[in-house]
Amino acid sequence: MLLKIGLFALISLSIYLGIAAGLILSNPPQKAVPSTGRPDPIDFTTLITADYANIPGLQPYTARDQATLYYRQYPSQAPTHKVLVLLHGSGWHSMQFHPLAAFVSQHGLAHVITPDLRGHGFSPQVRGDVAY
């Protein structure tokens, strides 16, 4: 039993080190730093120029603290029991996932839910609020 655990640990460590070495050696190209000397901000160009003509409307729900929050729902176009919840980061809101969510639902891969996290979206009670 101890031999099996040791062998598993050795194999896991080898895989971890192999992946780490591969990432280090791949040395991805670096972005050019603008003349300001500061790195470029997050680029939302692709998301801003996407086609939002058929984006689902925001649906309200009541959170445990009675706050009204919102989500978008993309029903699958084929029968499925799979549900995919896409959570945005701190930089935007559920709208950023429209192209991906539409693709997934239209191809019947899953029902997709894209919530606007607390403090985000078009009309949050307090922008950026994550106190609860």
N, C-alpha and C. Protein backbone atom coordinates (compact mmCIF):
# COMPACT_ATOMS: atom_id res chain seq x y z
N MET A 1 0.82 -1.19 0.00
CA MET A 1 0.00 0.00 0.00
C MET A 1 0.87 1.26 0.00
N LEU A 2 1.89 1.28 0.87
CA LEU A 2 2.79 2.42 0.94
C LEU A 2 3.53 2.60 -0.37
N LEU A 3 3.86 1.47 -1.02
CA LEU A 3 4.55 1.52 -2.31
C LEU A 3 3.65 2.16 -3.37
N LYS A 4 2.36 1.83 -3.35
CA LYS A 4 1.41 2.41 -4.32
C LYS A 4 1.29 3.93 -4.12
N ILE A 5 1.22 4.36 -2.85
CA ILE A 5 1.10 5.79 -2.56
C ILE A 5 2.36 6.52 -3.01
N GLY A 6 3.52 5.94 -2.74
CA GLY A 6 4.78 6.54 -3.16
C GLY A 6 4.88 6.63 -4.68
N LEU A 7 4.47 5.56 -5.36
CA LEU A 7 4.50 5.55 -6.82
C LEU A 7 3.56 6.61 -7.39
N PHE A 8 2.36 6.72 -6.81
CA PHE A 8 1.40 7.73 -7.25
C PHE A 8 1.98 9.13 -7.05
N ALA A 9 2.59 9.38 -5.90
CA ALA A 9 3.18 10.68 -5.62
C ALA A 9 4.30 11.00 -6.60
N LEU A 10 5.12 10.01 -6.91
CA LEU A 10 6.23 10.20 -7.85
C LEU A 10 5.71 10.53 -9.25
N ILE A 11 4.69 9.82 -9.68
CA ILE A 11 4.11 10.06 -11.01
C ILE A 11 3.47 11.46 -11.04
N SER A 12 2.74 11.82 -9.99
CA SER A 12 2.10 13.14 -9.94
C SER A 12 3.14 14.26 -9.97
N LEU A 13 4.21 14.09 -9.21
CA LEU A 13 5.28 15.08 -9.19
C LEU A 13 5.94 15.20 -10.55
N SER A 14 6.15 14.07 -11.21
CA SER A 14 6.77 14.08 -12.55
C SER A 14 5.89 14.83 -13.55
N ILE A 15 4.59 14.59 -13.50
CA ILE A 15 3.67 15.27 -14.41
C ILE A 15 3.68 16.77 -14.12
N TYR A 16 3.62 17.15 -12.85
CA TYR A 16 3.63 18.55 -12.46
C TYR A 16 4.90 19.24 -12.95
N LEU A 17 6.03 18.63 -12.70
CA LEU A 17 7.30 19.23 -13.13
C LEU A 17 7.40 19.29 -14.65
N GLY A 18 6.88 18.28 -15.35
CA GLY A 18 6.89 18.30 -16.81
C GLY A 18 6.08 19.44 -17.38
N ILE A 19 4.89 19.65 -16.80
CA ILE A 19 4.04 20.76 -17.25
C ILE A 19 4.71 22.09 -16.95
N ALA A 20 5.25 22.24 -15.74
CA ALA A 20 5.92 23.49 -15.37
C ALA A 20 7.10 23.77 -16.29
N ALA A 21 7.91 22.74 -16.59
CA ALA A 21 9.06 22.93 -17.48
C ALA A 21 8.59 23.32 -18.88
N GLY A 22 7.52 22.68 -19.35
CA GLY A 22 7.00 23.02 -20.68
C GLY A 22 6.53 24.45 -20.76
N LEU A 23 5.85 24.93 -19.72
CA LEU A 23 5.39 26.31 -19.71
C LEU A 23 6.55 27.30 -19.65
N ILE A 24 7.56 26.96 -18.86
CA ILE A 24 8.72 27.84 -18.75
C ILE A 24 9.47 27.90 -20.07
N LEU A 25 9.67 26.74 -20.69
CA LEU A 25 10.45 26.68 -21.93
C LEU A 25 9.71 27.23 -23.14
N SER A 26 8.37 27.24 -23.07
CA SER A 26 7.61 27.74 -24.23
C SER A 26 7.79 29.24 -24.41
N ASN A 27 8.05 29.99 -23.33
CA ASN A 27 8.34 31.42 -23.38
C ASN A 27 7.45 32.15 -24.38
N PRO A 28 6.16 32.35 -24.04
CA PRO A 28 5.26 33.02 -24.98
C PRO A 28 5.73 34.43 -25.29
N PRO A 29 5.44 34.92 -26.51
CA PRO A 29 5.87 36.28 -26.86
C PRO A 29 5.20 37.30 -25.95
N GLN A 30 5.94 38.33 -25.61
CA GLN A 30 5.44 39.38 -24.74
C GLN A 30 4.80 40.48 -25.57
N LYS A 31 3.76 41.10 -25.02
CA LYS A 31 3.13 42.24 -25.68
C LYS A 31 4.08 43.43 -25.62
N ALA A 32 4.05 44.21 -26.67
CA ALA A 32 4.86 45.44 -26.66
C ALA A 32 4.27 46.42 -25.65
N VAL A 33 5.10 47.06 -24.90
CA VAL A 33 4.66 48.05 -23.92
C VAL A 33 4.52 49.39 -24.64
N PRO A 34 3.38 50.04 -24.50
CA PRO A 34 3.19 51.33 -25.17
C PRO A 34 4.22 52.35 -24.69
N SER A 35 4.32 53.45 -25.42
CA SER A 35 5.32 54.47 -25.11
C SER A 35 5.11 55.09 -23.73
N THR A 36 3.93 54.89 -23.15
CA THR A 36 3.68 55.44 -21.81
C THR A 36 4.46 54.67 -20.76
N GLY A 37 4.95 53.48 -21.11
CA GLY A 37 5.67 52.65 -20.16
C GLY A 37 4.76 51.78 -19.32
N ARG A 38 3.45 51.97 -19.47
CA ARG A 38 2.49 51.15 -18.72
C ARG A 38 1.96 50.06 -19.64
N PRO A 39 1.64 48.89 -19.08
CA PRO A 39 1.05 47.84 -19.93
C PRO A 39 -0.33 48.26 -20.43
N ASP A 40 -0.76 47.68 -21.56
CA ASP A 40 -2.08 47.98 -22.11
C ASP A 40 -3.17 47.56 -21.12
N PRO A 41 -4.26 48.32 -21.05
CA PRO A 41 -5.39 47.89 -20.22
C PRO A 41 -6.09 46.71 -20.89
N ILE A 42 -7.03 46.13 -20.19
CA ILE A 42 -7.79 45.01 -20.76
C ILE A 42 -8.48 45.51 -22.02
N ASP A 43 -8.40 44.72 -23.09
CA ASP A 43 -8.98 45.11 -24.37
C ASP A 43 -10.35 44.46 -24.55
N PHE A 44 -11.41 45.26 -24.52
CA PHE A 44 -12.77 44.78 -24.68
C PHE A 44 -13.29 45.00 -26.11
N THR A 45 -12.42 45.31 -27.06
CA THR A 45 -12.84 45.64 -28.42
C THR A 45 -13.72 44.55 -29.03
N THR A 46 -13.29 43.30 -28.92
CA THR A 46 -14.05 42.20 -29.51
C THR A 46 -15.43 42.11 -28.88
N LEU A 47 -15.52 42.29 -27.58
CA LEU A 47 -16.82 42.20 -26.91
C LEU A 47 -17.71 43.38 -27.24
N ILE A 48 -17.14 44.55 -27.35
CA ILE A 48 -17.93 45.74 -27.64
C ILE A 48 -18.47 45.70 -29.07
N THR A 49 -17.72 45.12 -29.99
CA THR A 49 -18.14 45.10 -31.39
C THR A 49 -18.95 43.85 -31.76
N ALA A 50 -19.19 42.95 -30.80
CA ALA A 50 -19.98 41.74 -31.09
C ALA A 50 -21.43 42.14 -31.40
N ASP A 51 -22.16 41.25 -32.07
CA ASP A 51 -23.55 41.50 -32.42
C ASP A 51 -24.44 41.13 -31.23
N TYR A 52 -25.06 42.13 -30.64
CA TYR A 52 -25.93 41.92 -29.48
C TYR A 52 -27.40 42.07 -29.83
N ALA A 53 -27.72 41.99 -31.12
CA ALA A 53 -29.11 42.22 -31.55
C ALA A 53 -30.08 41.21 -30.93
N ASN A 54 -29.66 39.99 -30.73
CA ASN A 54 -30.57 38.96 -30.22
C ASN A 54 -30.20 38.51 -28.81
N ILE A 55 -29.62 39.40 -28.01
CA ILE A 55 -29.26 39.04 -26.65
C ILE A 55 -30.53 38.90 -25.80
N PRO A 56 -30.61 37.85 -24.99
CA PRO A 56 -31.80 37.69 -24.13
C PRO A 56 -31.89 38.83 -23.12
N GLY A 57 -33.10 39.16 -22.75
CA GLY A 57 -33.30 40.21 -21.76
C GLY A 57 -32.87 39.75 -20.37
N LEU A 58 -32.63 40.71 -19.51
CA LEU A 58 -32.26 40.40 -18.13
C LEU A 58 -33.49 39.91 -17.38
N GLN A 59 -33.31 38.85 -16.61
CA GLN A 59 -34.37 38.28 -15.78
C GLN A 59 -34.03 38.55 -14.32
N PRO A 60 -34.95 39.09 -13.54
CA PRO A 60 -34.65 39.37 -12.13
C PRO A 60 -34.82 38.13 -11.25
N TYR A 61 -34.08 38.09 -10.17
CA TYR A 61 -34.33 37.13 -9.10
C TYR A 61 -34.01 37.80 -7.78
N THR A 62 -34.58 37.30 -6.72
CA THR A 62 -34.38 37.88 -5.40
C THR A 62 -33.37 37.05 -4.63
N ALA A 63 -32.30 37.69 -4.18
CA ALA A 63 -31.26 37.02 -3.41
C ALA A 63 -31.73 36.83 -1.96
N ARG A 64 -30.96 36.09 -1.17
CA ARG A 64 -31.33 35.82 0.22
C ARG A 64 -31.51 37.09 1.04
N ASP A 65 -30.76 38.13 0.72
CA ASP A 65 -30.87 39.38 1.47
C ASP A 65 -31.93 40.32 0.88
N GLN A 66 -32.76 39.78 -0.01
CA GLN A 66 -33.86 40.49 -0.65
C GLN A 66 -33.42 41.48 -1.73
N ALA A 67 -32.14 41.49 -2.09
CA ALA A 67 -31.66 42.34 -3.19
C ALA A 67 -32.14 41.73 -4.51
N THR A 68 -32.45 42.58 -5.46
CA THR A 68 -32.83 42.12 -6.79
C THR A 68 -31.58 42.06 -7.64
N LEU A 69 -31.28 40.88 -8.15
CA LEU A 69 -30.14 40.66 -9.03
C LEU A 69 -30.68 40.14 -10.35
N TYR A 70 -29.82 40.08 -11.38
CA TYR A 70 -30.28 39.74 -12.72
C TYR A 70 -29.41 38.67 -13.37
N TYR A 71 -30.00 37.98 -14.34
CA TYR A 71 -29.29 36.97 -15.12
C TYR A 71 -29.88 36.93 -16.53
N ARG A 72 -29.14 36.31 -17.43
CA ARG A 72 -29.64 36.05 -18.78
C ARG A 72 -29.72 34.54 -18.95
N GLN A 73 -30.74 34.09 -19.67
CA GLN A 73 -30.92 32.66 -19.89
C GLN A 73 -30.91 32.37 -21.38
N TYR A 74 -30.13 31.35 -21.74
CA TYR A 74 -30.02 30.90 -23.12
C TYR A 74 -30.48 29.45 -23.16
N PRO A 75 -31.75 29.19 -23.47
CA PRO A 75 -32.23 27.80 -23.51
C PRO A 75 -31.58 27.03 -24.65
N SER A 76 -31.27 25.79 -24.41
CA SER A 76 -30.67 24.94 -25.44
C SER A 76 -31.67 24.70 -26.56
N GLN A 77 -31.17 24.66 -27.78
CA GLN A 77 -32.04 24.42 -28.93
C GLN A 77 -32.22 22.93 -29.20
N ALA A 78 -31.65 22.08 -28.35
CA ALA A 78 -31.83 20.63 -28.44
C ALA A 78 -32.05 20.10 -27.03
N PRO A 79 -32.76 18.99 -26.91
CA PRO A 79 -33.00 18.44 -25.57
C PRO A 79 -31.68 18.09 -24.88
N THR A 80 -31.51 18.58 -23.67
CA THR A 80 -30.33 18.26 -22.88
C THR A 80 -30.62 18.53 -21.41
N HIS A 81 -29.93 17.82 -20.54
CA HIS A 81 -30.05 18.05 -19.10
C HIS A 81 -28.87 18.85 -18.58
N LYS A 82 -27.99 19.26 -19.48
CA LYS A 82 -26.79 20.00 -19.07
C LYS A 82 -27.12 21.48 -18.90
N VAL A 83 -26.55 22.06 -17.85
CA VAL A 83 -26.69 23.49 -17.59
C VAL A 83 -25.29 24.04 -17.38
N LEU A 84 -24.98 25.11 -18.08
CA LEU A 84 -23.67 25.75 -17.98
C LEU A 84 -23.88 27.15 -17.42
N VAL A 85 -23.23 27.45 -16.29
CA VAL A 85 -23.32 28.77 -15.68
C VAL A 85 -21.99 29.48 -15.94
N LEU A 86 -22.03 30.60 -16.63
CA LEU A 86 -20.83 31.37 -16.96
C LEU A 86 -20.75 32.59 -16.05
N LEU A 87 -19.72 32.65 -15.21
CA LEU A 87 -19.55 33.75 -14.27
C LEU A 87 -18.48 34.71 -14.76
N HIS A 88 -18.81 35.97 -14.85
CA HIS A 88 -17.87 36.99 -15.31
C HIS A 88 -16.89 37.36 -14.21
N GLY A 89 -15.83 38.02 -14.61
CA GLY A 89 -14.86 38.54 -13.65
C GLY A 89 -15.25 39.94 -13.21
N SER A 90 -14.33 40.64 -12.60
CA SER A 90 -14.64 41.95 -12.05
C SER A 90 -14.68 43.05 -13.10
N GLY A 91 -14.25 42.76 -14.32
CA GLY A 91 -14.15 43.80 -15.33
C GLY A 91 -15.42 44.12 -16.10
N TRP A 92 -16.41 43.23 -16.11
CA TRP A 92 -17.60 43.51 -16.91
C TRP A 92 -18.81 42.85 -16.28
N HIS A 93 -19.71 42.27 -17.10
CA HIS A 93 -20.93 41.65 -16.58
C HIS A 93 -21.37 40.55 -17.54
N SER A 94 -22.58 40.04 -17.35
CA SER A 94 -23.05 38.86 -18.10
C SER A 94 -23.05 39.04 -19.61
N MET A 95 -23.13 40.26 -20.07
CA MET A 95 -23.19 40.54 -21.51
C MET A 95 -21.94 40.04 -22.23
N GLN A 96 -20.81 39.96 -21.53
CA GLN A 96 -19.57 39.54 -22.17
C GLN A 96 -19.65 38.13 -22.72
N PHE A 97 -20.55 37.31 -22.18
CA PHE A 97 -20.63 35.91 -22.60
C PHE A 97 -21.63 35.67 -23.71
N HIS A 98 -22.26 36.72 -24.22
CA HIS A 98 -23.31 36.52 -25.22
C HIS A 98 -22.85 35.68 -26.42
N PRO A 99 -21.73 35.99 -27.08
CA PRO A 99 -21.35 35.17 -28.23
C PRO A 99 -21.15 33.69 -27.86
N LEU A 100 -20.48 33.42 -26.75
CA LEU A 100 -20.24 32.04 -26.33
C LEU A 100 -21.53 31.36 -25.90
N ALA A 101 -22.32 32.03 -25.09
CA ALA A 101 -23.57 31.44 -24.60
C ALA A 101 -24.52 31.15 -25.75
N ALA A 102 -24.63 32.05 -26.71
CA ALA A 102 -25.50 31.84 -27.87
C ALA A 102 -25.02 30.62 -28.67
N PHE A 103 -23.72 30.49 -28.87
CA PHE A 103 -23.17 29.36 -29.61
C PHE A 103 -23.49 28.04 -28.91
N VAL A 104 -23.24 27.99 -27.61
CA VAL A 104 -23.46 26.76 -26.84
C VAL A 104 -24.93 26.36 -26.88
N SER A 105 -25.83 27.31 -26.66
CA SER A 105 -27.25 26.98 -26.64
C SER A 105 -27.79 26.65 -28.03
N GLN A 106 -27.35 27.39 -29.05
CA GLN A 106 -27.83 27.13 -30.41
C GLN A 106 -27.39 25.77 -30.94
N HIS A 107 -26.26 25.28 -30.47
CA HIS A 107 -25.77 23.97 -30.90
C HIS A 107 -26.24 22.85 -29.97
N GLY A 108 -27.14 23.17 -29.04
CA GLY A 108 -27.72 22.16 -28.17
C GLY A 108 -26.76 21.54 -27.18
N LEU A 109 -25.67 22.24 -26.88
CA LEU A 109 -24.68 21.67 -25.97
C LEU A 109 -25.10 21.78 -24.51
N ALA A 110 -25.85 22.83 -24.16
CA ALA A 110 -26.30 23.04 -22.78
C ALA A 110 -27.25 24.22 -22.73
N HIS A 111 -28.04 24.28 -21.66
CA HIS A 111 -28.76 25.50 -21.31
C HIS A 111 -27.72 26.39 -20.64
N VAL A 112 -27.71 27.68 -20.93
CA VAL A 112 -26.67 28.56 -20.39
C VAL A 112 -27.33 29.66 -19.55
N ILE A 113 -26.75 29.89 -18.38
CA ILE A 113 -27.18 30.96 -17.50
C ILE A 113 -25.97 31.89 -17.29
N THR A 114 -26.17 33.20 -17.47
CA THR A 114 -25.09 34.17 -17.26
C THR A 114 -25.57 35.23 -16.28
N PRO A 115 -25.29 35.04 -15.00
CA PRO A 115 -25.74 36.03 -14.01
C PRO A 115 -24.86 37.27 -13.98
N ASP A 116 -25.47 38.38 -13.60
CA ASP A 116 -24.72 39.59 -13.27
C ASP A 116 -24.43 39.49 -11.78
N LEU A 117 -23.17 39.36 -11.43
CA LEU A 117 -22.82 39.25 -10.03
C LEU A 117 -23.14 40.55 -9.30
N ARG A 118 -23.30 40.45 -8.02
CA ARG A 118 -23.65 41.60 -7.19
C ARG A 118 -22.69 42.76 -7.45
N GLY A 119 -23.24 43.95 -7.68
CA GLY A 119 -22.41 45.13 -7.93
C GLY A 119 -22.04 45.32 -9.39
N HIS A 120 -22.55 44.46 -10.28
CA HIS A 120 -22.22 44.54 -11.71
C HIS A 120 -23.49 44.63 -12.53
N GLY A 121 -23.35 44.82 -13.81
CA GLY A 121 -24.50 44.91 -14.69
C GLY A 121 -24.83 46.36 -15.00
N PHE A 122 -26.03 46.57 -15.54
CA PHE A 122 -26.42 47.90 -15.98
C PHE A 122 -26.89 48.80 -14.86
N SER A 123 -27.48 48.24 -13.82
CA SER A 123 -27.98 49.11 -12.75
C SER A 123 -27.83 48.44 -11.39
N PRO A 124 -26.60 48.24 -10.95
CA PRO A 124 -26.41 47.63 -9.63
C PRO A 124 -26.82 48.61 -8.52
N GLN A 125 -27.23 48.07 -7.38
CA GLN A 125 -27.60 48.94 -6.26
C GLN A 125 -26.39 49.76 -5.83
N VAL A 126 -25.23 49.12 -5.73
CA VAL A 126 -23.97 49.81 -5.44
C VAL A 126 -22.92 49.19 -6.35
N ARG A 127 -22.35 49.97 -7.26
CA ARG A 127 -21.38 49.43 -8.21
C ARG A 127 -20.19 48.82 -7.47
N GLY A 128 -19.86 47.56 -7.85
CA GLY A 128 -18.72 46.87 -7.28
C GLY A 128 -18.95 46.33 -5.87
N ASP A 129 -20.19 46.40 -5.37
CA ASP A 129 -20.48 45.96 -4.01
C ASP A 129 -20.43 44.45 -3.91
N VAL A 130 -19.58 43.94 -3.06
CA VAL A 130 -19.52 42.50 -2.82
C VAL A 130 -19.55 42.23 -1.31
N ALA A 131 -20.21 43.09 -0.55
CA ALA A 131 -20.23 42.98 0.91
C ALA A 131 -21.00 41.76 1.38
N TYR A 132 -21.87 41.18 0.53
CA TYR A 132 -22.67 40.03 0.98
C TYR A 132 -22.55 38.94 -0.05
